[in-house]
Amino acid sequence: MFPKTDLTSTKAWGALAAHAEEMKKTQMRQLFADDAKRFDKYHLQLENILFDYSKNIITDKTLTLLQSLAKECQCRKLLQRCSGPKRSMPPKAAPYYIPRCATSPANRCCSMGRT
């Protein structure tokens, strides 16, 4: 069984919460003024879908802290476990496998205090 972790009790969460307090004073206008390439840094495009998170009050430090939280909660291992070893499965079954795995109580690692 995968260990459950209460996100709010991790060191990474504490660091992220402290950073969130610092960022409350930050103005979006100033973030764009300080970094002309902000959109280039904070967006992803997958085929025709654009994920623009440049208009969120985040910095490189925010992303580093989020990565630390994911690492502390072993999210990569959880995703690998949900994906599991490559199996032969009927094409119609594939879309149902990952959501079922991700919502299974046995596979939740980051419960955020919920049971």
N, C-alpha and C. Protein backbone atom coordinates (compact mmCIF):
# COMPACT_ATOMS: atom_id res chain seq x y z
N MET A 1 0.84 -1.18 0.00
CA MET A 1 0.00 0.00 0.00
C MET A 1 0.89 1.24 0.00
N PHE A 2 0.43 2.25 -0.67
CA PHE A 2 1.18 3.50 -0.78
C PHE A 2 0.94 4.33 0.48
N PRO A 3 1.99 4.92 1.07
CA PRO A 3 1.78 5.69 2.30
C PRO A 3 0.97 6.95 2.06
N LYS A 4 0.06 7.25 2.98
CA LYS A 4 -0.73 8.48 2.89
C LYS A 4 0.08 9.60 3.53
N THR A 5 -0.02 10.75 2.96
CA THR A 5 0.69 11.91 3.49
C THR A 5 -0.29 13.07 3.61
N ASP A 6 -0.32 13.67 4.77
CA ASP A 6 -1.11 14.89 4.96
C ASP A 6 -0.25 16.04 4.45
N LEU A 7 -0.62 16.60 3.32
CA LEU A 7 0.17 17.67 2.70
C LEU A 7 0.51 18.79 3.66
N THR A 8 -0.45 19.15 4.49
CA THR A 8 -0.27 20.31 5.36
C THR A 8 0.73 20.06 6.48
N SER A 9 1.16 18.83 6.67
CA SER A 9 2.13 18.54 7.72
C SER A 9 3.55 18.38 7.18
N THR A 10 3.76 18.60 5.89
CA THR A 10 5.09 18.43 5.30
C THR A 10 5.90 19.72 5.42
N LYS A 11 7.22 19.57 5.38
CA LYS A 11 8.11 20.74 5.41
C LYS A 11 7.89 21.59 4.17
N ALA A 12 7.70 20.91 3.03
CA ALA A 12 7.50 21.64 1.77
C ALA A 12 6.24 22.50 1.83
N TRP A 13 5.19 22.01 2.46
CA TRP A 13 3.95 22.78 2.60
C TRP A 13 4.21 24.04 3.43
N GLY A 14 4.96 23.88 4.51
CA GLY A 14 5.29 25.03 5.36
C GLY A 14 6.05 26.10 4.59
N ALA A 15 7.01 25.66 3.78
CA ALA A 15 7.78 26.60 2.96
C ALA A 15 6.88 27.27 1.93
N LEU A 16 5.98 26.49 1.34
CA LEU A 16 5.06 27.03 0.34
C LEU A 16 4.09 28.02 0.98
N ALA A 17 3.63 27.73 2.18
CA ALA A 17 2.72 28.64 2.88
C ALA A 17 3.41 29.96 3.22
N ALA A 18 4.67 29.88 3.64
CA ALA A 18 5.43 31.09 3.94
C ALA A 18 5.64 31.91 2.66
N HIS A 19 5.92 31.22 1.57
CA HIS A 19 6.10 31.90 0.28
C HIS A 19 4.78 32.55 -0.16
N ALA A 20 3.67 31.89 0.08
CA ALA A 20 2.36 32.45 -0.30
C ALA A 20 2.11 33.76 0.46
N GLU A 21 2.51 33.80 1.73
CA GLU A 21 2.36 35.04 2.51
C GLU A 21 3.19 36.16 1.89
N GLU A 22 4.43 35.84 1.49
CA GLU A 22 5.29 36.84 0.84
C GLU A 22 4.67 37.34 -0.46
N MET A 23 4.07 36.42 -1.21
CA MET A 23 3.54 36.75 -2.53
C MET A 23 2.25 37.55 -2.46
N LYS A 24 1.60 37.60 -1.31
CA LYS A 24 0.36 38.38 -1.18
C LYS A 24 0.57 39.85 -1.51
N LYS A 25 1.78 40.34 -1.29
CA LYS A 25 2.08 41.75 -1.55
C LYS A 25 2.40 42.01 -3.03
N THR A 26 2.58 40.94 -3.79
CA THR A 26 3.03 41.05 -5.17
C THR A 26 1.89 41.43 -6.10
N GLN A 27 2.15 42.36 -6.99
CA GLN A 27 1.18 42.79 -7.99
C GLN A 27 1.50 42.13 -9.33
N MET A 28 0.48 41.63 -10.00
CA MET A 28 0.66 41.01 -11.31
C MET A 28 1.34 41.96 -12.29
N ARG A 29 0.94 43.20 -12.27
CA ARG A 29 1.51 44.21 -13.15
C ARG A 29 3.03 44.29 -12.97
N GLN A 30 3.48 44.20 -11.72
CA GLN A 30 4.92 44.29 -11.44
C GLN A 30 5.66 43.05 -11.95
N LEU A 31 5.03 41.88 -11.83
CA LEU A 31 5.67 40.65 -12.32
C LEU A 31 5.92 40.74 -13.82
N PHE A 32 4.95 41.25 -14.58
CA PHE A 32 5.13 41.40 -16.02
C PHE A 32 6.15 42.51 -16.33
N ALA A 33 6.16 43.56 -15.53
CA ALA A 33 7.13 44.65 -15.75
C ALA A 33 8.56 44.17 -15.49
N ASP A 34 8.73 43.31 -14.50
CA ASP A 34 10.06 42.80 -14.15
C ASP A 34 10.58 41.76 -15.12
N ASP A 35 9.69 41.10 -15.84
CA ASP A 35 10.10 40.00 -16.72
C ASP A 35 9.33 40.06 -18.04
N ALA A 36 9.96 40.62 -19.05
CA ALA A 36 9.31 40.78 -20.36
C ALA A 36 9.01 39.42 -21.01
N LYS A 37 9.70 38.38 -20.59
CA LYS A 37 9.50 37.05 -21.18
C LYS A 37 8.68 36.14 -20.26
N ARG A 38 7.89 36.75 -19.42
CA ARG A 38 7.10 35.98 -18.45
C ARG A 38 6.18 34.96 -19.13
N PHE A 39 5.51 35.37 -20.17
CA PHE A 39 4.62 34.43 -20.87
C PHE A 39 5.42 33.25 -21.41
N ASP A 40 6.59 33.51 -21.98
CA ASP A 40 7.42 32.44 -22.53
C ASP A 40 7.82 31.43 -21.45
N LYS A 41 8.08 31.92 -20.24
CA LYS A 41 8.50 31.04 -19.14
C LYS A 41 7.34 30.26 -18.54
N TYR A 42 6.17 30.87 -18.48
CA TYR A 42 5.07 30.27 -17.73
C TYR A 42 3.88 29.90 -18.61
N HIS A 43 4.15 29.13 -19.62
CA HIS A 43 3.05 28.56 -20.40
C HIS A 43 3.49 27.25 -21.01
N LEU A 44 2.53 26.43 -21.32
CA LEU A 44 2.74 25.17 -22.02
C LEU A 44 1.74 25.12 -23.16
N GLN A 45 2.16 24.52 -24.25
CA GLN A 45 1.22 24.30 -25.33
C GLN A 45 1.34 22.86 -25.78
N LEU A 46 0.24 22.16 -25.72
CA LEU A 46 0.16 20.78 -26.17
C LEU A 46 -0.84 20.74 -27.32
N GLU A 47 -0.29 20.59 -28.50
CA GLU A 47 -1.07 20.64 -29.73
C GLU A 47 -1.88 21.94 -29.75
N ASN A 48 -3.20 21.86 -29.75
CA ASN A 48 -4.03 23.08 -29.84
C ASN A 48 -4.47 23.61 -28.49
N ILE A 49 -3.92 23.09 -27.42
CA ILE A 49 -4.34 23.51 -26.08
C ILE A 49 -3.22 24.36 -25.46
N LEU A 50 -3.58 25.55 -25.03
CA LEU A 50 -2.62 26.46 -24.40
C LEU A 50 -2.92 26.54 -22.91
N PHE A 51 -1.89 26.26 -22.10
CA PHE A 51 -1.98 26.41 -20.65
C PHE A 51 -1.15 27.64 -20.30
N ASP A 52 -1.81 28.75 -20.06
CA ASP A 52 -1.12 30.00 -19.75
C ASP A 52 -1.23 30.27 -18.26
N TYR A 53 -0.17 29.98 -17.54
CA TYR A 53 -0.19 30.26 -16.11
C TYR A 53 0.67 31.46 -15.77
N SER A 54 1.01 32.27 -16.80
CA SER A 54 1.78 33.49 -16.56
C SER A 54 0.95 34.53 -15.83
N LYS A 55 -0.36 34.40 -15.90
CA LYS A 55 -1.25 35.37 -15.27
C LYS A 55 -1.66 34.93 -13.86
N ASN A 56 -0.80 34.12 -13.27
CA ASN A 56 -0.95 33.74 -11.86
C ASN A 56 0.22 34.36 -11.11
N ILE A 57 0.01 34.65 -9.87
CA ILE A 57 1.08 35.27 -9.08
C ILE A 57 2.02 34.16 -8.61
N ILE A 58 2.94 33.81 -9.52
CA ILE A 58 3.94 32.78 -9.26
C ILE A 58 5.29 33.27 -9.74
N THR A 59 6.32 32.65 -9.21
CA THR A 59 7.70 32.94 -9.61
C THR A 59 8.42 31.61 -9.78
N ASP A 60 9.68 31.68 -10.16
CA ASP A 60 10.48 30.46 -10.25
C ASP A 60 10.54 29.77 -8.89
N LYS A 61 10.60 30.58 -7.83
CA LYS A 61 10.64 30.02 -6.48
C LYS A 61 9.36 29.24 -6.18
N THR A 62 8.22 29.75 -6.63
CA THR A 62 6.94 29.07 -6.43
C THR A 62 6.99 27.68 -7.06
N LEU A 63 7.47 27.62 -8.30
CA LEU A 63 7.53 26.34 -9.00
C LEU A 63 8.49 25.37 -8.30
N THR A 64 9.62 25.89 -7.82
CA THR A 64 10.58 25.06 -7.10
C THR A 64 9.94 24.48 -5.83
N LEU A 65 9.20 25.32 -5.12
CA LEU A 65 8.54 24.86 -3.89
C LEU A 65 7.44 23.84 -4.19
N LEU A 66 6.71 24.03 -5.27
CA LEU A 66 5.68 23.06 -5.67
C LEU A 66 6.33 21.72 -6.04
N GLN A 67 7.47 21.79 -6.72
CA GLN A 67 8.18 20.55 -7.07
C GLN A 67 8.67 19.85 -5.80
N SER A 68 9.12 20.62 -4.82
CA SER A 68 9.56 20.03 -3.56
C SER A 68 8.39 19.33 -2.85
N LEU A 69 7.23 19.93 -2.90
CA LEU A 69 6.05 19.33 -2.29
C LEU A 69 5.70 18.02 -3.00
N ALA A 70 5.71 18.03 -4.31
CA ALA A 70 5.41 16.82 -5.08
C ALA A 70 6.43 15.71 -4.76
N LYS A 71 7.70 16.11 -4.64
CA LYS A 71 8.74 15.14 -4.33
C LYS A 71 8.55 14.57 -2.93
N GLU A 72 8.26 15.43 -1.97
CA GLU A 72 8.08 14.98 -0.59
C GLU A 72 6.89 14.04 -0.46
N CYS A 73 5.87 14.24 -1.27
CA CYS A 73 4.68 13.38 -1.23
C CYS A 73 4.80 12.18 -2.15
N GLN A 74 5.95 12.04 -2.80
CA GLN A 74 6.23 10.92 -3.68
C GLN A 74 5.22 10.80 -4.82
N CYS A 75 4.84 11.94 -5.38
CA CYS A 75 3.85 11.95 -6.45
C CYS A 75 4.31 11.20 -7.70
N ARG A 76 5.60 11.26 -8.00
CA ARG A 76 6.11 10.53 -9.17
C ARG A 76 5.89 9.03 -9.00
N LYS A 77 6.18 8.52 -7.80
CA LYS A 77 5.97 7.09 -7.54
C LYS A 77 4.49 6.73 -7.66
N LEU A 78 3.63 7.61 -7.17
CA LEU A 78 2.20 7.36 -7.26
C LEU A 78 1.76 7.29 -8.72
N LEU A 79 2.23 8.24 -9.52
CA LEU A 79 1.86 8.23 -10.94
C LEU A 79 2.37 6.97 -11.62
N GLN A 80 3.59 6.56 -11.28
CA GLN A 80 4.13 5.33 -11.87
C GLN A 80 3.31 4.13 -11.43
N ARG A 81 2.89 4.14 -10.19
CA ARG A 81 2.08 3.02 -9.70
C ARG A 81 0.73 3.00 -10.40
N CYS A 82 0.14 4.16 -10.59
CA CYS A 82 -1.15 4.21 -11.29
C CYS A 82 -1.00 3.75 -12.73
N SER A 83 0.11 4.15 -13.35
CA SER A 83 0.35 3.73 -14.72
C SER A 83 0.68 2.25 -14.76
N GLY A 84 1.42 1.80 -13.75
CA GLY A 84 1.77 0.39 -13.65
C GLY A 84 2.64 -0.08 -14.79
N PRO A 85 2.95 -1.36 -14.78
CA PRO A 85 3.74 -1.90 -15.88
C PRO A 85 2.90 -1.87 -17.15
N LYS A 86 3.58 -1.79 -18.26
CA LYS A 86 2.85 -1.76 -19.53
C LYS A 86 2.10 -3.07 -19.67
N ARG A 87 0.83 -2.97 -19.91
CA ARG A 87 -0.01 -4.15 -20.03
C ARG A 87 -0.75 -4.10 -21.35
N SER A 88 -1.13 -5.25 -21.75
CA SER A 88 -1.96 -5.33 -22.94
C SER A 88 -3.40 -5.16 -22.46
N MET A 89 -4.05 -4.14 -22.95
CA MET A 89 -5.43 -3.92 -22.53
C MET A 89 -6.22 -3.49 -23.76
N PRO A 90 -7.46 -3.87 -23.82
CA PRO A 90 -8.28 -3.46 -24.96
C PRO A 90 -8.34 -1.95 -25.06
N PRO A 91 -8.27 -1.39 -26.25
CA PRO A 91 -8.27 0.08 -26.41
C PRO A 91 -9.44 0.77 -25.74
N LYS A 92 -10.59 0.12 -25.70
CA LYS A 92 -11.76 0.75 -25.08
C LYS A 92 -11.62 0.83 -23.56
N ALA A 93 -10.77 0.00 -22.97
CA ALA A 93 -10.62 -0.03 -21.51
C ALA A 93 -9.64 1.02 -21.02
N ALA A 94 -8.69 1.45 -21.85
CA ALA A 94 -7.63 2.37 -21.43
C ALA A 94 -8.14 3.65 -20.79
N PRO A 95 -9.14 4.33 -21.36
CA PRO A 95 -9.58 5.59 -20.74
C PRO A 95 -10.14 5.42 -19.34
N TYR A 96 -10.56 4.21 -18.98
CA TYR A 96 -11.16 3.99 -17.67
C TYR A 96 -10.14 3.56 -16.62
N TYR A 97 -8.97 3.12 -17.05
CA TYR A 97 -8.00 2.57 -16.11
C TYR A 97 -7.40 3.63 -15.20
N ILE A 98 -6.83 4.71 -15.77
CA ILE A 98 -6.14 5.71 -14.96
C ILE A 98 -7.10 6.43 -14.00
N PRO A 99 -8.27 6.91 -14.45
CA PRO A 99 -9.16 7.57 -13.48
C PRO A 99 -9.56 6.64 -12.33
N ARG A 100 -9.80 5.37 -12.64
CA ARG A 100 -10.19 4.43 -11.60
C ARG A 100 -9.04 4.24 -10.62
N CYS A 101 -7.81 4.15 -11.15
CA CYS A 101 -6.63 3.98 -10.30
C CYS A 101 -6.44 5.22 -9.43
N ALA A 102 -6.56 6.39 -10.01
CA ALA A 102 -6.31 7.64 -9.29
C ALA A 102 -7.33 7.88 -8.19
N THR A 103 -8.54 7.35 -8.35
CA THR A 103 -9.57 7.60 -7.34
C THR A 103 -9.70 6.47 -6.35
N SER A 104 -8.94 5.40 -6.55
CA SER A 104 -8.99 4.27 -5.63
C SER A 104 -8.40 4.68 -4.28
N PRO A 105 -9.11 4.42 -3.17
CA PRO A 105 -8.59 4.80 -1.85
C PRO A 105 -7.22 4.18 -1.56
N ALA A 106 -6.94 3.02 -2.11
CA ALA A 106 -5.66 2.35 -1.86
C ALA A 106 -4.50 3.09 -2.52
N ASN A 107 -4.78 3.94 -3.49
CA ASN A 107 -3.72 4.61 -4.24
C ASN A 107 -3.55 6.07 -3.90
N ARG A 108 -4.31 6.60 -2.97
CA ARG A 108 -4.18 8.01 -2.62
C ARG A 108 -2.99 8.21 -1.70
N CYS A 109 -2.08 9.10 -2.08
CA CYS A 109 -0.95 9.37 -1.18
C CYS A 109 -1.12 10.72 -0.52
N CYS A 110 -1.70 11.64 -1.20
CA CYS A 110 -1.80 13.01 -0.69
C CYS A 110 -3.24 13.30 -0.36
N SER A 111 -3.61 13.12 0.88
CA SER A 111 -5.02 13.22 1.25
C SER A 111 -5.45 14.60 1.70
N MET A 112 -4.50 15.50 1.93
CA MET A 112 -4.80 16.84 2.43
C MET A 112 -5.72 16.79 3.66
N GLY A 113 -5.47 15.79 4.51
CA GLY A 113 -6.24 15.70 5.74
C GLY A 113 -7.56 14.98 5.60
N ARG A 114 -7.92 14.62 4.36
CA ARG A 114 -9.18 13.90 4.16
C ARG A 114 -8.92 12.41 4.25
N THR A 115 -9.96 11.67 4.59
CA THR A 115 -9.81 10.21 4.65
C THR A 115 -10.45 9.58 3.44
